[in-house]
């Protein structure tokens, strides 16, 4: 098996005098669930469209599944790719099932796949309804179903949970877990960072058309060396005892909220702090170590 299924090197894209993507290098391994995050205008959607061959590169190279996107065999490679754009545009006068038939015919995929995909995304009951009667979330699920036509090896999902309610978001990520188990590689963007931080294998932070950092969420946390928070519950005199126990360590702050203490400290101080707190015995009723969120990491790289 190849070590990468997506390989971008020195990729740039100019729109007149505007440089939307600036020298992007990116490698994604087969079977990864890879996140691409960044603010609006960071270049994520433009990068997606170049990877799909929808818009030309200004410079650089992109290979998908070993094939250059400008090569003679890329048309065949693209048949193995599914794409859900950020803004799903569908034909309002077609039913949900007719919509999938339409895309199946475009992809040369047997129509018999369509009913099963509607069931997978929870739209069987609405299969015969016109798309104009669909809610935004239903349209998003129908768009996801078309992206799954043809059993793709590689999925590009641009803000895929837009308009979905919590139950539909849970079902969406359940499907992604199933696909990952089948070896499908998925690249997704999302503005809802809390939603993806425990779900992606690795991610890249994009800022101003460039990749600022790439790695697992934990690796990015450690690279930023952001402070941790210890949340401690205990009885009377907790703050005084904890403060004495942690004296001399790199503590940024200790805040009290009811019977809880929130202690911000450097990552290097975590294990010494836990060792000292363990000596307090029954004074502590509970202790939780809270890592910086993906949102903290994202804004740390933007600072």
C-alpha atoms as a PDB file:
ATOM      1  CA  UNK A   1       0.000   0.000   0.000  1.00  0.00           C
ATOM      2  CA  UNK A   2       1.244   3.486  -0.843  1.00  0.00           C
ATOM      3  CA  UNK A   3       2.324   5.611   2.105  1.00  0.00           C
ATOM      4  CA  UNK A   4       0.205   8.545   0.906  1.00  0.00           C
ATOM      5  CA  UNK A   5      -3.056   8.839  -0.980  1.00  0.00           C
ATOM      6  CA  UNK A   6      -3.062  12.665  -1.078  1.00  0.00           C
ATOM      7  CA  UNK A   7       0.216  14.421  -1.850  1.00  0.00           C
ATOM      8  CA  UNK A   8       0.442  18.187  -2.424  1.00  0.00           C
ATOM      9  CA  UNK A   9       3.758  19.911  -3.024  1.00  0.00           C
ATOM     10  CA  UNK A  10       4.329  23.642  -3.409  1.00  0.00           C
ATOM     11  CA  UNK A  11       0.702  24.271  -4.344  1.00  0.00           C
ATOM     12  CA  UNK A  12      -0.300  27.861  -5.049  1.00  0.00           C
ATOM     13  CA  UNK A  13      -3.425  29.458  -6.457  1.00  0.00           C
ATOM     14  CA  UNK A  14      -3.753  33.051  -7.586  1.00  0.00           C
ATOM     15  CA  UNK A  15      -6.956  34.839  -8.499  1.00  0.00           C
ATOM     16  CA  UNK A  16      -5.575  37.887 -10.236  1.00  0.00           C
ATOM     17  CA  UNK A  17      -3.523  39.748  -7.637  1.00  0.00           C
ATOM     18  CA  UNK A  18      -4.976  37.693  -4.763  1.00  0.00           C
ATOM     19  CA  UNK A  19      -2.904  34.696  -3.652  1.00  0.00           C
ATOM     20  CA  UNK A  20      -5.492  32.354  -2.109  1.00  0.00           C
ATOM     21  CA  UNK A  21      -3.153  29.393  -1.546  1.00  0.00           C
ATOM     22  CA  UNK A  22       0.566  29.909  -0.919  1.00  0.00           C
ATOM     23  CA  UNK A  23       3.003  27.035  -1.269  1.00  0.00           C
ATOM     24  CA  UNK A  24       1.008  24.292   0.475  1.00  0.00           C
ATOM     25  CA  UNK A  25       2.724  20.962   1.229  1.00  0.00           C
ATOM     26  CA  UNK A  26       0.434  18.238   2.545  1.00  0.00           C
ATOM     27  CA  UNK A  27       0.539  14.430   2.814  1.00  0.00           C
ATOM     28  CA  UNK A  28      -2.391  12.247   3.888  1.00  0.00           C
ATOM     29  CA  UNK A  29      -2.065   8.512   4.479  1.00  0.00           C
ATOM     30  CA  UNK A  30      -4.542   5.902   3.239  1.00  0.00           C
ATOM     31  CA  UNK A  31      -7.337   5.287   5.736  1.00  0.00           C
ATOM     32  CA  UNK A  32      -6.842   8.539   7.652  1.00  0.00           C
ATOM     33  CA  UNK A  33      -9.665  10.754   8.853  1.00  0.00           C
ATOM     34  CA  UNK A  34      -7.923  14.069   8.288  1.00  0.00           C
ATOM     35  CA  UNK A  35      -9.202  17.473   9.376  1.00  0.00           C
ATOM     36  CA  UNK A  36      -8.462  20.775   7.659  1.00  0.00           C
ATOM     37  CA  UNK A  37      -9.353  23.790   9.796  1.00  0.00           C
ATOM     38  CA  UNK A  38      -9.047  27.528   9.350  1.00  0.00           C
ATOM     39  CA  UNK A  39     -11.043  30.730   9.334  1.00  0.00           C
ATOM     40  CA  UNK A  40     -13.230  31.808   6.402  1.00  0.00           C
ATOM     41  CA  UNK A  41     -10.961  32.741   3.525  1.00  0.00           C
ATOM     42  CA  UNK A  42      -8.026  30.654   4.770  1.00  0.00           C
ATOM     43  CA  UNK A  43      -7.961  28.741   1.468  1.00  0.00           C
ATOM     44  CA  UNK A  44      -9.525  25.417   2.529  1.00  0.00           C
ATOM     45  CA  UNK A  45     -12.260  25.234  -0.125  1.00  0.00           C
ATOM     46  CA  UNK A  46      -9.874  26.455  -2.826  1.00  0.00           C
ATOM     47  CA  UNK A  47      -7.426  23.696  -1.895  1.00  0.00           C
ATOM     48  CA  UNK A  48     -10.256  21.144  -2.023  1.00  0.00           C
ATOM     49  CA  UNK A  49     -11.298  22.282  -5.503  1.00  0.00           C
ATOM     50  CA  UNK A  50      -7.733  22.063  -6.791  1.00  0.00           C
ATOM     51  CA  UNK A  51      -7.374  18.545  -5.367  1.00  0.00           C
ATOM     52  CA  UNK A  52     -10.543  17.549  -7.201  1.00  0.00           C
ATOM     53  CA  UNK A  53      -9.319  19.062 -10.464  1.00  0.00           C
ATOM     54  CA  UNK A  54     -12.181  21.559 -10.502  1.00  0.00           C
ATOM     55  CA  UNK A  55      -9.881  24.578 -10.736  1.00  0.00           C
ATOM     56  CA  UNK A  56      -6.313  24.661 -12.088  1.00  0.00           C
ATOM     57  CA  UNK A  57      -3.233  25.153  -9.952  1.00  0.00           C
ATOM     58  CA  UNK A  58      -1.131  28.252 -10.464  1.00  0.00           C
ATOM     59  CA  UNK A  59       1.946  26.223  -9.510  1.00  0.00           C
ATOM     60  CA  UNK A  60       2.917  23.060  -7.669  1.00  0.00           C
ATOM     61  CA  UNK A  61       1.726  19.471  -7.963  1.00  0.00           C
ATOM     62  CA  UNK A  62      -1.051  17.346  -6.477  1.00  0.00           C
ATOM     63  CA  UNK A  63      -1.223  13.555  -6.664  1.00  0.00           C
ATOM     64  CA  UNK A  64      -4.274  11.558  -5.590  1.00  0.00           C
ATOM     65  CA  UNK A  65      -3.838   7.811  -5.225  1.00  0.00           C
ATOM     66  CA  UNK A  66      -0.535   8.123  -7.046  1.00  0.00           C
ATOM     67  CA  UNK A  67      -1.925   9.954 -10.070  1.00  0.00           C
ATOM     68  CA  UNK A  68      -1.204  13.615 -10.880  1.00  0.00           C
ATOM     69  CA  UNK A  69      -4.447  15.565 -11.141  1.00  0.00           C
ATOM     70  CA  UNK A  70      -3.287  16.869 -14.520  1.00  0.00           C
ATOM     71  CA  UNK A  71      -2.400  13.394 -15.808  1.00  0.00           C
ATOM     72  CA  UNK A  72      -4.241  11.379 -18.478  1.00  0.00           C
ATOM     73  CA  UNK A  73      -5.500   8.780 -15.974  1.00  0.00           C
ATOM     74  CA  UNK A  74      -6.882  11.211 -13.412  1.00  0.00           C
ATOM     75  CA  UNK A  75     -10.387  10.984 -14.889  1.00  0.00           C
ATOM     76  CA  UNK A  76     -10.453   7.332 -13.874  1.00  0.00           C
ATOM     77  CA  UNK A  77      -8.983   8.148 -10.442  1.00  0.00           C
ATOM     78  CA  UNK A  78     -11.707  10.740  -9.886  1.00  0.00           C
ATOM     79  CA  UNK A  79     -14.344   8.002 -10.168  1.00  0.00           C
ATOM     80  CA  UNK A  80     -13.021   6.704  -6.840  1.00  0.00           C
ATOM     81  CA  UNK A  81     -13.511  10.092  -5.153  1.00  0.00           C
ATOM     82  CA  UNK A  82     -16.616  11.414  -3.372  1.00  0.00           C
ATOM     83  CA  UNK A  83     -17.165  15.113  -2.721  1.00  0.00           C
ATOM     84  CA  UNK A  84     -19.651  16.954  -0.534  1.00  0.00           C
ATOM     85  CA  UNK A  85     -19.370  20.715  -1.140  1.00  0.00           C
ATOM     86  CA  UNK A  86     -20.050  23.261   1.560  1.00  0.00           C
ATOM     87  CA  UNK A  87     -23.162  24.543  -0.221  1.00  0.00           C
ATOM     88  CA  UNK A  88     -25.179  21.658  -1.617  1.00  0.00           C
ATOM     89  CA  UNK A  89     -27.099  22.641  -4.773  1.00  0.00           C
ATOM     90  CA  UNK A  90     -29.759  20.168  -5.882  1.00  0.00           C
ATOM     91  CA  UNK A  91     -32.651  20.110  -8.345  1.00  0.00           C
ATOM     92  CA  UNK A  92     -35.775  21.092  -6.408  1.00  0.00           C
ATOM     93  CA  UNK A  93     -38.213  19.335  -8.762  1.00  0.00           C
ATOM     94  CA  UNK A  94     -36.594  15.914  -8.421  1.00  0.00           C
ATOM     95  CA  UNK A  95     -37.368  13.542  -5.579  1.00  0.00           C
ATOM     96  CA  UNK A  96     -34.608  12.385  -3.273  1.00  0.00           C
ATOM     97  CA  UNK A  97     -34.379   9.036  -5.076  1.00  0.00           C
ATOM     98  CA  UNK A  98     -34.456  10.690  -8.518  1.00  0.00           C
ATOM     99  CA  UNK A  99     -31.614  12.974  -7.386  1.00  0.00           C
ATOM    100  CA  UNK A 100     -29.439   9.990  -6.537  1.00  0.00           C
ATOM    101  CA  UNK A 101     -30.388   8.326  -9.826  1.00  0.00           C
ATOM    102  CA  UNK A 102     -29.198  11.467 -11.623  1.00  0.00           C
ATOM    103  CA  UNK A 103     -25.809  11.453  -9.870  1.00  0.00           C
ATOM    104  CA  UNK A 104     -25.492   7.691 -10.222  1.00  0.00           C
ATOM    105  CA  UNK A 105     -25.917   8.037 -13.995  1.00  0.00           C
ATOM    106  CA  UNK A 106     -23.270  10.785 -14.074  1.00  0.00           C
ATOM    107  CA  UNK A 107     -20.848   8.569 -12.158  1.00  0.00           C
ATOM    108  CA  UNK A 108     -21.739   5.426 -14.143  1.00  0.00           C
ATOM    109  CA  UNK A 109     -22.823   3.778 -10.879  1.00  0.00           C
ATOM    110  CA  UNK A 110     -25.677   1.220 -10.840  1.00  0.00           C
ATOM    111  CA  UNK A 111     -28.949   2.773  -9.708  1.00  0.00           C
ATOM    112  CA  UNK A 112     -29.507  -0.156  -7.359  1.00  0.00           C
ATOM    113  CA  UNK A 113     -27.062   1.511  -4.914  1.00  0.00           C
ATOM    114  CA  UNK A 114     -29.332   4.505  -4.408  1.00  0.00           C
ATOM    115  CA  UNK A 115     -32.054   3.132  -2.146  1.00  0.00           C
ATOM    116  CA  UNK A 116     -29.475   1.681   0.243  1.00  0.00           C
ATOM    117  CA  UNK A 117     -27.612   4.989   0.472  1.00  0.00           C
ATOM    118  CA  UNK A 118     -30.828   6.866   1.255  1.00  0.00           C
ATOM    119  CA  UNK A 119     -31.413   4.385   4.062  1.00  0.00           C
ATOM    120  CA  UNK A 120     -27.829   4.848   5.303  1.00  0.00           C
ATOM    121  CA  UNK A 121     -28.337   8.616   5.681  1.00  0.00           C
ATOM    122  CA  UNK A 122     -31.850   8.291   7.137  1.00  0.00           C
ATOM    123  CA  UNK A 123     -33.874   9.515   4.143  1.00  0.00           C
ATOM    124  CA  UNK A 124     -35.803   6.396   3.140  1.00  0.00           C
ATOM    125  CA  UNK A 125     -39.105   7.879   4.322  1.00  0.00           C
ATOM    126  CA  UNK A 126     -38.462  10.996   2.222  1.00  0.00           C
ATOM    127  CA  UNK A 127     -37.221   9.192  -0.896  1.00  0.00           C
ATOM    128  CA  UNK A 128     -40.354  10.038  -2.880  1.00  0.00           C
ATOM    129  CA  UNK A 129     -40.627  13.673  -1.772  1.00  0.00           C
ATOM    130  CA  UNK A 130     -39.504  16.582  -3.947  1.00  0.00           C
ATOM    131  CA  UNK A 131     -36.214  18.106  -2.830  1.00  0.00           C
ATOM    132  CA  UNK A 132     -37.904  21.515  -2.577  1.00  0.00           C
ATOM    133  CA  UNK A 133     -39.745  20.105   0.456  1.00  0.00           C
ATOM    134  CA  UNK A 134     -36.489  19.072   2.164  1.00  0.00           C
ATOM    135  CA  UNK A 135     -35.086  20.970   5.135  1.00  0.00           C
ATOM    136  CA  UNK A 136     -31.473  22.188   5.041  1.00  0.00           C
ATOM    137  CA  UNK A 137     -30.385  19.210   7.097  1.00  0.00           C
ATOM    138  CA  UNK A 138     -32.169  16.779   4.766  1.00  0.00           C
ATOM    139  CA  UNK A 139     -30.497  18.383   1.754  1.00  0.00           C
ATOM    140  CA  UNK A 140     -27.150  17.981   3.493  1.00  0.00           C
ATOM    141  CA  UNK A 141     -27.818  14.301   4.114  1.00  0.00           C
ATOM    142  CA  UNK A 142     -28.855  13.832   0.488  1.00  0.00           C
ATOM    143  CA  UNK A 143     -25.634  15.535  -0.597  1.00  0.00           C
ATOM    144  CA  UNK A 144     -23.704  13.143   1.643  1.00  0.00           C
ATOM    145  CA  UNK A 145     -25.491  10.194   0.027  1.00  0.00           C
ATOM    146  CA  UNK A 146     -24.420  11.341  -3.458  1.00  0.00           C
ATOM    147  CA  UNK A 147     -20.824  11.644  -2.225  1.00  0.00           C
ATOM    148  CA  UNK A 148     -20.973   7.966  -1.191  1.00  0.00           C
ATOM    149  CA  UNK A 149     -22.110   6.739  -4.607  1.00  0.00           C
ATOM    150  CA  UNK A 150     -19.727   4.280  -6.193  1.00  0.00           C
ATOM    151  CA  UNK A 151     -17.991   3.207  -2.967  1.00  0.00           C
ATOM    152  CA  UNK A 152     -15.283   5.897  -3.076  1.00  0.00           C
ATOM    153  CA  UNK A 153     -11.794   5.282  -1.679  1.00  0.00           C
ATOM    154  CA  UNK A 154     -11.330   8.980  -0.939  1.00  0.00           C
ATOM    155  CA  UNK A 155     -13.904  11.433   0.416  1.00  0.00           C
ATOM    156  CA  UNK A 156     -13.658  15.226   0.520  1.00  0.00           C
ATOM    157  CA  UNK A 157     -16.234  16.691   2.920  1.00  0.00           C
ATOM    158  CA  UNK A 158     -16.456  20.492   3.106  1.00  0.00           C
ATOM    159  CA  UNK A 159     -18.361  21.610   6.245  1.00  0.00           C
ATOM    160  CA  UNK A 160     -20.354  18.346   6.101  1.00  0.00           C
ATOM    161  CA  UNK A 161     -22.475  18.827   9.238  1.00  0.00           C
ATOM    162  CA  UNK A 162     -23.894  22.241   8.264  1.00  0.00           C
ATOM    163  CA  UNK A 163     -27.605  22.245   9.065  1.00  0.00           C
ATOM    164  CA  UNK A 164     -27.584  18.868  10.831  1.00  0.00           C
ATOM    165  CA  UNK A 165     -29.201  18.425  14.235  1.00  0.00           C
ATOM    166  CA  UNK A 166     -27.261  16.658  17.042  1.00  0.00           C
ATOM    167  CA  UNK A 167     -28.757  13.259  16.226  1.00  0.00           C
ATOM    168  CA  UNK A 168     -27.866  13.571  12.552  1.00  0.00           C
ATOM    169  CA  UNK A 169     -24.321  14.694  13.442  1.00  0.00           C
ATOM    170  CA  UNK A 170     -23.916  11.601  15.636  1.00  0.00           C
ATOM    171  CA  UNK A 171     -25.153   9.384  12.778  1.00  0.00           C
ATOM    172  CA  UNK A 172     -22.847  11.150  10.315  1.00  0.00           C
ATOM    173  CA  UNK A 173     -19.749  10.411  12.375  1.00  0.00           C
ATOM    174  CA  UNK A 174     -20.925   6.843  12.950  1.00  0.00           C
ATOM    175  CA  UNK A 175     -20.949   6.395   9.168  1.00  0.00           C
ATOM    176  CA  UNK A 176     -17.465   7.905   8.952  1.00  0.00           C
ATOM    177  CA  UNK A 177     -16.224   5.394  11.551  1.00  0.00           C
ATOM    178  CA  UNK A 178     -17.687   2.572   9.467  1.00  0.00           C
ATOM    179  CA  UNK A 179     -16.041   3.910   6.317  1.00  0.00           C
ATOM    180  CA  UNK A 180     -12.717   4.282   8.111  1.00  0.00           C
ATOM    181  CA  UNK A 181     -12.996   0.641   9.145  1.00  0.00           C
ATOM    182  CA  UNK A 182     -13.324  -0.191   5.452  1.00  0.00           C
ATOM    183  CA  UNK A 183     -10.124   1.695   4.633  1.00  0.00           C
ATOM    184  CA  UNK A 184     -11.702   4.840   3.154  1.00  0.00           C
ATOM    185  CA  UNK A 185      -9.603   8.016   3.428  1.00  0.00           C
ATOM    186  CA  UNK A 186     -11.564  11.123   4.445  1.00  0.00           C
ATOM    187  CA  UNK A 187     -10.587  14.775   4.416  1.00  0.00           C
ATOM    188  CA  UNK A 188     -13.023  17.163   6.065  1.00  0.00           C
ATOM    189  CA  UNK A 189     -13.248  20.804   6.997  1.00  0.00           C
ATOM    190  CA  UNK A 190     -15.278  22.123   9.904  1.00  0.00           C
ATOM    191  CA  UNK A 191     -15.713  25.347  11.827  1.00  0.00           C
ATOM    192  CA  UNK A 192     -17.086  23.379  14.792  1.00  0.00           C
ATOM    193  CA  UNK A 193     -13.731  22.494  16.335  1.00  0.00           C
ATOM    194  CA  UNK A 194     -15.138  20.773  19.427  1.00  0.00           C
ATOM    195  CA  UNK A 195     -16.992  18.413  17.087  1.00  0.00           C
ATOM    196  CA  UNK A 196     -13.878  17.086  15.358  1.00  0.00           C
ATOM    197  CA  UNK A 197     -11.130  17.245  17.991  1.00  0.00           C
ATOM    198  CA  UNK A 198     -11.766  13.720  19.286  1.00  0.00           C
ATOM    199  CA  UNK A 199     -12.661  12.287  15.878  1.00  0.00           C
ATOM    200  CA  UNK A 200      -9.848  13.101  13.455  1.00  0.00           C
ATOM    201  CA  UNK A 201      -6.593  11.146  13.283  1.00  0.00           C
ATOM    202  CA  UNK A 202      -4.590  14.218  12.285  1.00  0.00           C
ATOM    203  CA  UNK A 203      -5.345  17.731  11.144  1.00  0.00           C
ATOM    204  CA  UNK A 204      -3.786  20.748   9.484  1.00  0.00           C
ATOM    205  CA  UNK A 205      -4.293  24.355  10.532  1.00  0.00           C
ATOM    206  CA  UNK A 206      -4.585  26.683   7.550  1.00  0.00           C
ATOM    207  CA  UNK A 207      -4.040  30.419   7.861  1.00  0.00           C
ATOM    208  CA  UNK A 208      -3.728  32.981   5.075  1.00  0.00           C
ATOM    209  CA  UNK A 209      -3.461  30.327   2.367  1.00  0.00           C
ATOM    210  CA  UNK A 210      -0.676  28.448   4.153  1.00  0.00           C
ATOM    211  CA  UNK A 211      -0.442  25.342   6.340  1.00  0.00           C
ATOM    212  CA  UNK A 212       0.717  26.612   9.730  1.00  0.00           C
ATOM    213  CA  UNK A 213       0.873  23.238  11.492  1.00  0.00           C
ATOM    214  CA  UNK A 214       0.055  19.570  10.936  1.00  0.00           C
ATOM    215  CA  UNK A 215      -0.255  16.700  13.419  1.00  0.00           C
ATOM    216  CA  UNK A 216      -2.491  14.951  15.903  1.00  0.00           C
ATOM    217  CA  UNK A 217      -4.496  17.161  18.247  1.00  0.00           C
ATOM    218  CA  UNK A 218      -2.273  16.077  21.146  1.00  0.00           C
ATOM    219  CA  UNK A 219       0.939  16.735  19.206  1.00  0.00           C
ATOM    220  CA  UNK A 220      -0.254  20.235  18.337  1.00  0.00           C
ATOM    221  CA  UNK A 221      -1.163  20.866  21.980  1.00  0.00           C
ATOM    222  CA  UNK A 222       2.305  19.841  23.074  1.00  0.00           C
ATOM    223  CA  UNK A 223       4.005  21.857  20.333  1.00  0.00           C
ATOM    224  CA  UNK A 224       2.134  24.975  21.464  1.00  0.00           C
ATOM    225  CA  UNK A 225       2.995  24.200  25.118  1.00  0.00           C
ATOM    226  CA  UNK A 226      -0.343  25.633  26.192  1.00  0.00           C
ATOM    227  CA  UNK A 227      -1.181  25.468  29.917  1.00  0.00           C
ATOM    228  CA  UNK A 228      -3.341  22.685  31.334  1.00  0.00           C
ATOM    229  CA  UNK A 229      -6.178  23.053  33.807  1.00  0.00           C
ATOM    230  CA  UNK A 230      -6.615  20.873  36.874  1.00  0.00           C
ATOM    231  CA  UNK A 231     -10.200  20.830  38.158  1.00  0.00           C
ATOM    232  CA  UNK A 232     -10.298  19.750  41.783  1.00  0.00           C
ATOM    233  CA  UNK A 233     -13.240  19.135  44.108  1.00  0.00           C
ATOM    234  CA  UNK A 234     -12.745  18.956  47.841  1.00  0.00           C
ATOM    235  CA  UNK A 235     -13.836  20.019  51.279  1.00  0.00           C
ATOM    236  CA  UNK A 236     -13.212  22.993  53.556  1.00  0.00           C
ATOM    237  CA  UNK A 237      -9.780  24.597  53.367  1.00  0.00           C
ATOM    238  CA  UNK A 238      -9.113  23.060  49.957  1.00  0.00           C
ATOM    239  CA  UNK A 239      -7.543  26.156  48.422  1.00  0.00           C
ATOM    240  CA  UNK A 240      -5.068  26.659  51.261  1.00  0.00           C
ATOM    241  CA  UNK A 241      -3.956  23.026  51.287  1.00  0.00           C
ATOM    242  CA  UNK A 242      -3.622  22.853  47.512  1.00  0.00           C
ATOM    243  CA  UNK A 243      -1.722  26.132  47.357  1.00  0.00           C
ATOM    244  CA  UNK A 244       0.781  24.862  49.937  1.00  0.00           C
ATOM    245  CA  UNK A 245       1.157  21.539  48.137  1.00  0.00           C
ATOM    246  CA  UNK A 246       1.892  23.215  44.798  1.00  0.00           C
ATOM    247  CA  UNK A 247       4.210  25.920  46.137  1.00  0.00           C
ATOM    248  CA  UNK A 248       7.227  26.439  43.868  1.00  0.00           C
ATOM    249  CA  UNK A 249       5.654  24.905  40.747  1.00  0.00           C
ATOM    250  CA  UNK A 250       4.861  26.857  37.550  1.00  0.00           C
ATOM    251  CA  UNK A 251       1.255  27.716  38.445  1.00  0.00           C
ATOM    252  CA  UNK A 252      -0.382  30.429  36.336  1.00  0.00           C
ATOM    253  CA  UNK A 253      -3.535  30.862  38.412  1.00  0.00           C
ATOM    254  CA  UNK A 254      -5.826  29.275  40.971  1.00  0.00           C
ATOM    255  CA  UNK A 255      -9.509  30.187  40.743  1.00  0.00           C
ATOM    256  CA  UNK A 256     -12.212  29.069  43.153  1.00  0.00           C
ATOM    257  CA  UNK A 257     -15.785  28.331  42.116  1.00  0.00           C
ATOM    258  CA  UNK A 258     -17.944  26.931  44.899  1.00  0.00           C
ATOM    259  CA  UNK A 259     -16.309  23.718  46.057  1.00  0.00           C
ATOM    260  CA  UNK A 260     -14.165  23.535  42.894  1.00  0.00           C
ATOM    261  CA  UNK A 261     -10.662  24.805  42.195  1.00  0.00           C
ATOM    262  CA  UNK A 262      -9.478  25.532  38.651  1.00  0.00           C
ATOM    263  CA  UNK A 263      -5.686  25.526  38.454  1.00  0.00           C
ATOM    264  CA  UNK A 264      -3.856  26.606  35.292  1.00  0.00           C
ATOM    265  CA  UNK A 265      -0.319  25.314  35.136  1.00  0.00           C
ATOM    266  CA  UNK A 266       2.420  24.620  32.630  1.00  0.00           C
ATOM    267  CA  UNK A 267       2.533  21.216  30.947  1.00  0.00           C
ATOM    268  CA  UNK A 268       5.908  20.495  32.551  1.00  0.00           C
ATOM    269  CA  UNK A 269       4.361  20.982  35.979  1.00  0.00           C
ATOM    270  CA  UNK A 270       1.563  18.458  35.469  1.00  0.00           C
ATOM    271  CA  UNK A 271       3.203  15.314  36.841  1.00  0.00           C
ATOM    272  CA  UNK A 272       4.930  17.039  39.797  1.00  0.00           C
ATOM    273  CA  UNK A 273       1.587  18.670  40.651  1.00  0.00           C
ATOM    274  CA  UNK A 274      -0.307  15.377  40.506  1.00  0.00           C
ATOM    275  CA  UNK A 275       2.331  13.698  42.663  1.00  0.00           C
ATOM    276  CA  UNK A 276       2.016  16.386  45.334  1.00  0.00           C
ATOM    277  CA  UNK A 277      -1.788  16.464  45.207  1.00  0.00           C
ATOM    278  CA  UNK A 278      -1.884  12.703  45.781  1.00  0.00           C
ATOM    279  CA  UNK A 279      -0.445  13.304  49.250  1.00  0.00           C
ATOM    280  CA  UNK A 280      -3.560  15.268  50.279  1.00  0.00           C
ATOM    281  CA  UNK A 281      -5.585  12.061  50.502  1.00  0.00           C
ATOM    282  CA  UNK A 282      -9.249  12.506  51.467  1.00  0.00           C
ATOM    283  CA  UNK A 283      -8.986  16.278  51.180  1.00  0.00           C
ATOM    284  CA  UNK A 284      -9.612  15.733  47.447  1.00  0.00           C
ATOM    285  CA  UNK A 285     -12.944  14.278  46.340  1.00  0.00           C
ATOM    286  CA  UNK A 286     -12.269  14.428  42.601  1.00  0.00           C
ATOM    287  CA  UNK A 287      -9.637  15.610  40.143  1.00  0.00           C
ATOM    288  CA  UNK A 288      -9.847  16.104  36.394  1.00  0.00           C
ATOM    289  CA  UNK A 289      -7.050  17.124  34.010  1.00  0.00           C
ATOM    290  CA  UNK A 290      -8.425  19.298  31.218  1.00  0.00           C
ATOM    291  CA  UNK A 291      -6.232  19.586  28.127  1.00  0.00           C
ATOM    292  CA  UNK A 292      -6.395  22.718  25.955  1.00  0.00           C
ATOM    293  CA  UNK A 293      -9.236  22.402  23.454  1.00  0.00           C
ATOM    294  CA  UNK A 294      -8.669  22.345  19.712  1.00  0.00           C
ATOM    295  CA  UNK A 295     -10.086  25.866  19.713  1.00  0.00           C
ATOM    296  CA  UNK A 296      -7.323  26.925  22.147  1.00  0.00           C
ATOM    297  CA  UNK A 297      -4.737  25.335  19.867  1.00  0.00           C
ATOM    298  CA  UNK A 298      -6.199  26.972  16.761  1.00  0.00           C
ATOM    299  CA  UNK A 299      -6.173  30.463  18.240  1.00  0.00           C
ATOM    300  CA  UNK A 300      -2.704  29.824  19.661  1.00  0.00           C
ATOM    301  CA  UNK A 301      -1.347  29.236  16.170  1.00  0.00           C
ATOM    302  CA  UNK A 302      -3.171  32.299  14.850  1.00  0.00           C
ATOM    303  CA  UNK A 303      -1.703  34.562  17.542  1.00  0.00           C
END
